[in-house]
Amino acid sequence: MNETEKHTHRVRAARTLEQLARAIAGAGWQQRFDKVHDALELRVGHENGPLISWRDRGNGGRFTWAWSDPVGEVRDISPWVGSGDRIFLWARVIETGAAHDHQCDMDTLFAGVSKQRLEFDGYEDHEIGR
């Protein structure tokens, strides 16, 4: 292994350790879902941006969150938005008839601190800074 390859290997290892430390410490961008009726699409950037979703939430990942998912749960969204100082989110509440309501209350956090509180019943797009 030459010096360039050794350097590249050390940089990759340092990045991996930094990401692991941030995950353990709860740092980075997070989303808390306090109320979702009926379903929520949370996307990066704009309405056609990548959908933030998990297979164990949002009706199997079809949505970001759904009315039947736990209230108050916090999830890491850094894999979608990165770790920059500013992120751009687009969100839409979808009425499916499951909860007979049409509302979303959620917080965007950075390192566990609330940076943007949204309570809405249509769609929202926001630039959020840490």
Foldseek 3Di string as FASTA:
>chain_A
DDPVVVVVVVVVVVVVVVVVVCVVLVFAKKKWWAAAAAFKFKAWDDPPHDTQDDCVARVRGPHRHGRPDDHGDMDHPCVHAPRDQKTKMKMAHDHPPPVVDFWTWMFMDGSPHGFDTDIDRGMDMDITGD
